[in-house]
Amino acid sequence: SKMLAYIKLSRASNSGSVSTKTNFYFCPSGEYAMQTQFSGFSGGGAGTLSMADENVELGRWVVKNGTLYVQAENGERREYDLSVAEGGDVIRLNGAGYLVDTQNECGR
């Protein structure tokens, strides 16, 4: 199934003072990129330094029988239960909602 081709899924979450934003980019070639951005504050109150870090994972994806399978270049494999919610503008991966957008990062 190529239902995710040219789709960007994004999710933001907060844990304590650290916020995490995850972007999945899915390409029709079966390749994906997952960009994870962490940002937060070190130390005390206002005026402390903000730290930001970014991690990009590349690999291959396939959807079979409602399950998204990803295999990262480092050999890690993961499975996500895939469901489309609320008129198609939200996709759930293992129950966590991701906003659906279109992207054309693939041909670059």
C-alpha atoms as a PDB file:
ATOM      1  CA  SER A   1       0.000   0.000   0.000  1.00  0.00           C
ATOM      2  CA  LYS A   2       1.311   3.429  -0.948  1.00  0.00           C
ATOM      3  CA  MET A   3      -1.261   5.330   1.113  1.00  0.00           C
ATOM      4  CA  LEU A   4       1.498   7.193   2.958  1.00  0.00           C
ATOM      5  CA  ALA A   5       3.475   8.214  -0.141  1.00  0.00           C
ATOM      6  CA  TYR A   6       4.182  11.965  -0.199  1.00  0.00           C
ATOM      7  CA  ILE A   7       2.733  12.234   3.314  1.00  0.00           C
ATOM      8  CA  LYS A   8       4.292  14.048   6.252  1.00  0.00           C
ATOM      9  CA  LEU A   9       3.162  13.037   9.725  1.00  0.00           C
ATOM     10  CA  SER A  10       3.975  15.345  12.608  1.00  0.00           C
ATOM     11  CA  ARG A  11       3.483  15.111  16.333  1.00  0.00           C
ATOM     12  CA  ALA A  12       4.568  17.378  19.168  1.00  0.00           C
ATOM     13  CA  SER A  13       4.771  16.250  22.778  1.00  0.00           C
ATOM     14  CA  ASN A  14       6.070  17.677  26.026  1.00  0.00           C
ATOM     15  CA  SER A  15       7.759  15.938  28.902  1.00  0.00           C
ATOM     16  CA  GLY A  16       8.688  18.238  31.759  1.00  0.00           C
ATOM     17  CA  SER A  17      10.692  21.141  30.340  1.00  0.00           C
ATOM     18  CA  VAL A  18      11.620  19.292  27.146  1.00  0.00           C
ATOM     19  CA  SER A  19       9.458  19.418  24.054  1.00  0.00           C
ATOM     20  CA  THR A  20       9.805  16.851  21.295  1.00  0.00           C
ATOM     21  CA  LYS A  21       8.613  17.239  17.725  1.00  0.00           C
ATOM     22  CA  THR A  22       8.595  14.226  15.433  1.00  0.00           C
ATOM     23  CA  ASN A  23       8.203  14.483  11.643  1.00  0.00           C
ATOM     24  CA  PHE A  24       7.867  11.387   9.445  1.00  0.00           C
ATOM     25  CA  TYR A  25       8.353  11.817   5.687  1.00  0.00           C
ATOM     26  CA  PHE A  26       7.185   8.876   3.535  1.00  0.00           C
ATOM     27  CA  CYS A  27       8.266   8.454  -0.079  1.00  0.00           C
ATOM     28  CA  PRO A  28       6.695   6.279  -2.805  1.00  0.00           C
ATOM     29  CA  SER A  29      10.068   4.573  -3.309  1.00  0.00           C
ATOM     30  CA  GLY A  30       9.513   2.891   0.069  1.00  0.00           C
ATOM     31  CA  GLU A  31      12.012   5.128   1.833  1.00  0.00           C
ATOM     32  CA  TYR A  32      11.285   7.303   4.828  1.00  0.00           C
ATOM     33  CA  ALA A  33      12.972   9.903   6.986  1.00  0.00           C
ATOM     34  CA  MET A  34      12.063  10.477  10.624  1.00  0.00           C
ATOM     35  CA  GLN A  35      13.206  13.811  12.022  1.00  0.00           C
ATOM     36  CA  THR A  36      13.086  14.243  15.799  1.00  0.00           C
ATOM     37  CA  GLN A  37      13.680  17.674  17.279  1.00  0.00           C
ATOM     38  CA  PHE A  38      14.239  18.104  21.010  1.00  0.00           C
ATOM     39  CA  SER A  39      14.197  21.498  22.628  1.00  0.00           C
ATOM     40  CA  GLY A  40      14.136  22.598  26.212  1.00  0.00           C
ATOM     41  CA  PHE A  41      15.800  24.674  28.840  1.00  0.00           C
ATOM     42  CA  SER A  42      18.856  23.900  30.886  1.00  0.00           C
ATOM     43  CA  GLY A  43      18.934  24.774  34.541  1.00  0.00           C
ATOM     44  CA  GLY A  44      16.804  27.361  36.268  1.00  0.00           C
ATOM     45  CA  GLY A  45      14.213  29.933  35.339  1.00  0.00           C
ATOM     46  CA  ALA A  46      13.866  32.573  32.668  1.00  0.00           C
ATOM     47  CA  GLY A  47      17.008  33.525  30.788  1.00  0.00           C
ATOM     48  CA  THR A  48      18.686  30.127  30.993  1.00  0.00           C
ATOM     49  CA  LEU A  49      20.097  28.719  27.800  1.00  0.00           C
ATOM     50  CA  SER A  50      17.798  26.879  25.473  1.00  0.00           C
ATOM     51  CA  MET A  51      19.157  23.637  24.081  1.00  0.00           C
ATOM     52  CA  ALA A  52      18.074  22.140  20.797  1.00  0.00           C
ATOM     53  CA  ASP A  53      19.030  18.839  19.280  1.00  0.00           C
ATOM     54  CA  GLU A  54      17.967  17.091  16.100  1.00  0.00           C
ATOM     55  CA  ASN A  55      18.086  13.468  15.135  1.00  0.00           C
ATOM     56  CA  VAL A  56      17.320  12.103  11.653  1.00  0.00           C
ATOM     57  CA  GLU A  57      16.658   8.425  10.996  1.00  0.00           C
ATOM     58  CA  LEU A  58      16.497   7.035   7.463  1.00  0.00           C
ATOM     59  CA  GLY A  59      15.172   3.695   6.335  1.00  0.00           C
ATOM     60  CA  ARG A  60      12.468   1.805   4.480  1.00  0.00           C
ATOM     61  CA  TRP A  61       8.745   1.449   5.132  1.00  0.00           C
ATOM     62  CA  VAL A  62       5.814  -0.713   4.056  1.00  0.00           C
ATOM     63  CA  VAL A  63       2.172  -0.938   5.125  1.00  0.00           C
ATOM     64  CA  LYS A  64       0.577  -4.379   5.334  1.00  0.00           C
ATOM     65  CA  ASN A  65      -2.828  -5.227   6.795  1.00  0.00           C
ATOM     66  CA  GLY A  66      -3.120  -1.994   8.755  1.00  0.00           C
ATOM     67  CA  THR A  67       0.389  -2.177  10.191  1.00  0.00           C
ATOM     68  CA  LEU A  68       3.229   0.199   9.318  1.00  0.00           C
ATOM     69  CA  TYR A  69       6.587  -1.587   9.311  1.00  0.00           C
ATOM     70  CA  VAL A  70       9.759   0.490   9.345  1.00  0.00           C
ATOM     71  CA  GLN A  71      13.318  -0.700   9.103  1.00  0.00           C
ATOM     72  CA  ALA A  72      15.974   1.874   9.907  1.00  0.00           C
ATOM     73  CA  GLU A  73      19.373   1.894   8.239  1.00  0.00           C
ATOM     74  CA  ASN A  74      20.912   0.943  11.592  1.00  0.00           C
ATOM     75  CA  GLY A  75      18.930  -2.321  11.467  1.00  0.00           C
ATOM     76  CA  GLU A  76      16.272  -1.392  14.013  1.00  0.00           C
ATOM     77  CA  ARG A  77      12.789  -2.611  13.084  1.00  0.00           C
ATOM     78  CA  ARG A  78       9.548  -1.216  14.471  1.00  0.00           C
ATOM     79  CA  GLU A  79       5.851  -1.854  13.897  1.00  0.00           C
ATOM     80  CA  TYR A  80       3.042   0.655  14.322  1.00  0.00           C
ATOM     81  CA  ASP A  81      -0.656  -0.108  14.385  1.00  0.00           C
ATOM     82  CA  LEU A  82      -1.965   2.308  11.731  1.00  0.00           C
ATOM     83  CA  SER A  83      -5.402   3.878  11.766  1.00  0.00           C
ATOM     84  CA  VAL A  84      -6.859   6.924  10.074  1.00  0.00           C
ATOM     85  CA  ALA A  85      -9.017   9.149  12.261  1.00  0.00           C
ATOM     86  CA  GLU A  86     -11.240  12.207  12.019  1.00  0.00           C
ATOM     87  CA  GLY A  87     -11.803  12.536   8.312  1.00  0.00           C
ATOM     88  CA  GLY A  88      -8.250  11.664   7.346  1.00  0.00           C
ATOM     89  CA  ASP A  89      -6.409  14.655   8.802  1.00  0.00           C
ATOM     90  CA  VAL A  90      -5.075  12.581  11.705  1.00  0.00           C
ATOM     91  CA  ILE A  91      -3.289   9.229  11.473  1.00  0.00           C
ATOM     92  CA  ARG A  92      -2.726   7.190  14.619  1.00  0.00           C
ATOM     93  CA  LEU A  93       0.462   5.191  15.087  1.00  0.00           C
ATOM     94  CA  ASN A  94       0.082   2.868  18.073  1.00  0.00           C
ATOM     95  CA  GLY A  95      -2.735   5.143  19.209  1.00  0.00           C
ATOM     96  CA  ALA A  96      -0.692   8.375  19.144  1.00  0.00           C
ATOM     97  CA  GLY A  97      -2.182  10.990  16.842  1.00  0.00           C
ATOM     98  CA  TYR A  98      -0.087  12.537  14.072  1.00  0.00           C
ATOM     99  CA  LEU A  99      -1.223  15.451  11.918  1.00  0.00           C
ATOM    100  CA  VAL A 100      -1.301  14.587   8.220  1.00  0.00           C
ATOM    101  CA  ASP A 101       0.223  16.927   5.655  1.00  0.00           C
ATOM    102  CA  THR A 102       1.547  16.515   2.137  1.00  0.00           C
ATOM    103  CA  GLN A 103       5.204  17.006   1.256  1.00  0.00           C
ATOM    104  CA  ASN A 104       7.478  16.633  -1.760  1.00  0.00           C
ATOM    105  CA  GLU A 105      10.831  16.242  -0.036  1.00  0.00           C
ATOM    106  CA  CYS A 106      11.156  12.885  -1.765  1.00  0.00           C
ATOM    107  CA  GLY A 107      12.473  13.854  -5.171  1.00  0.00           C
ATOM    108  CA  ARG A 108      15.264  16.068  -3.892  1.00  0.00           C
END
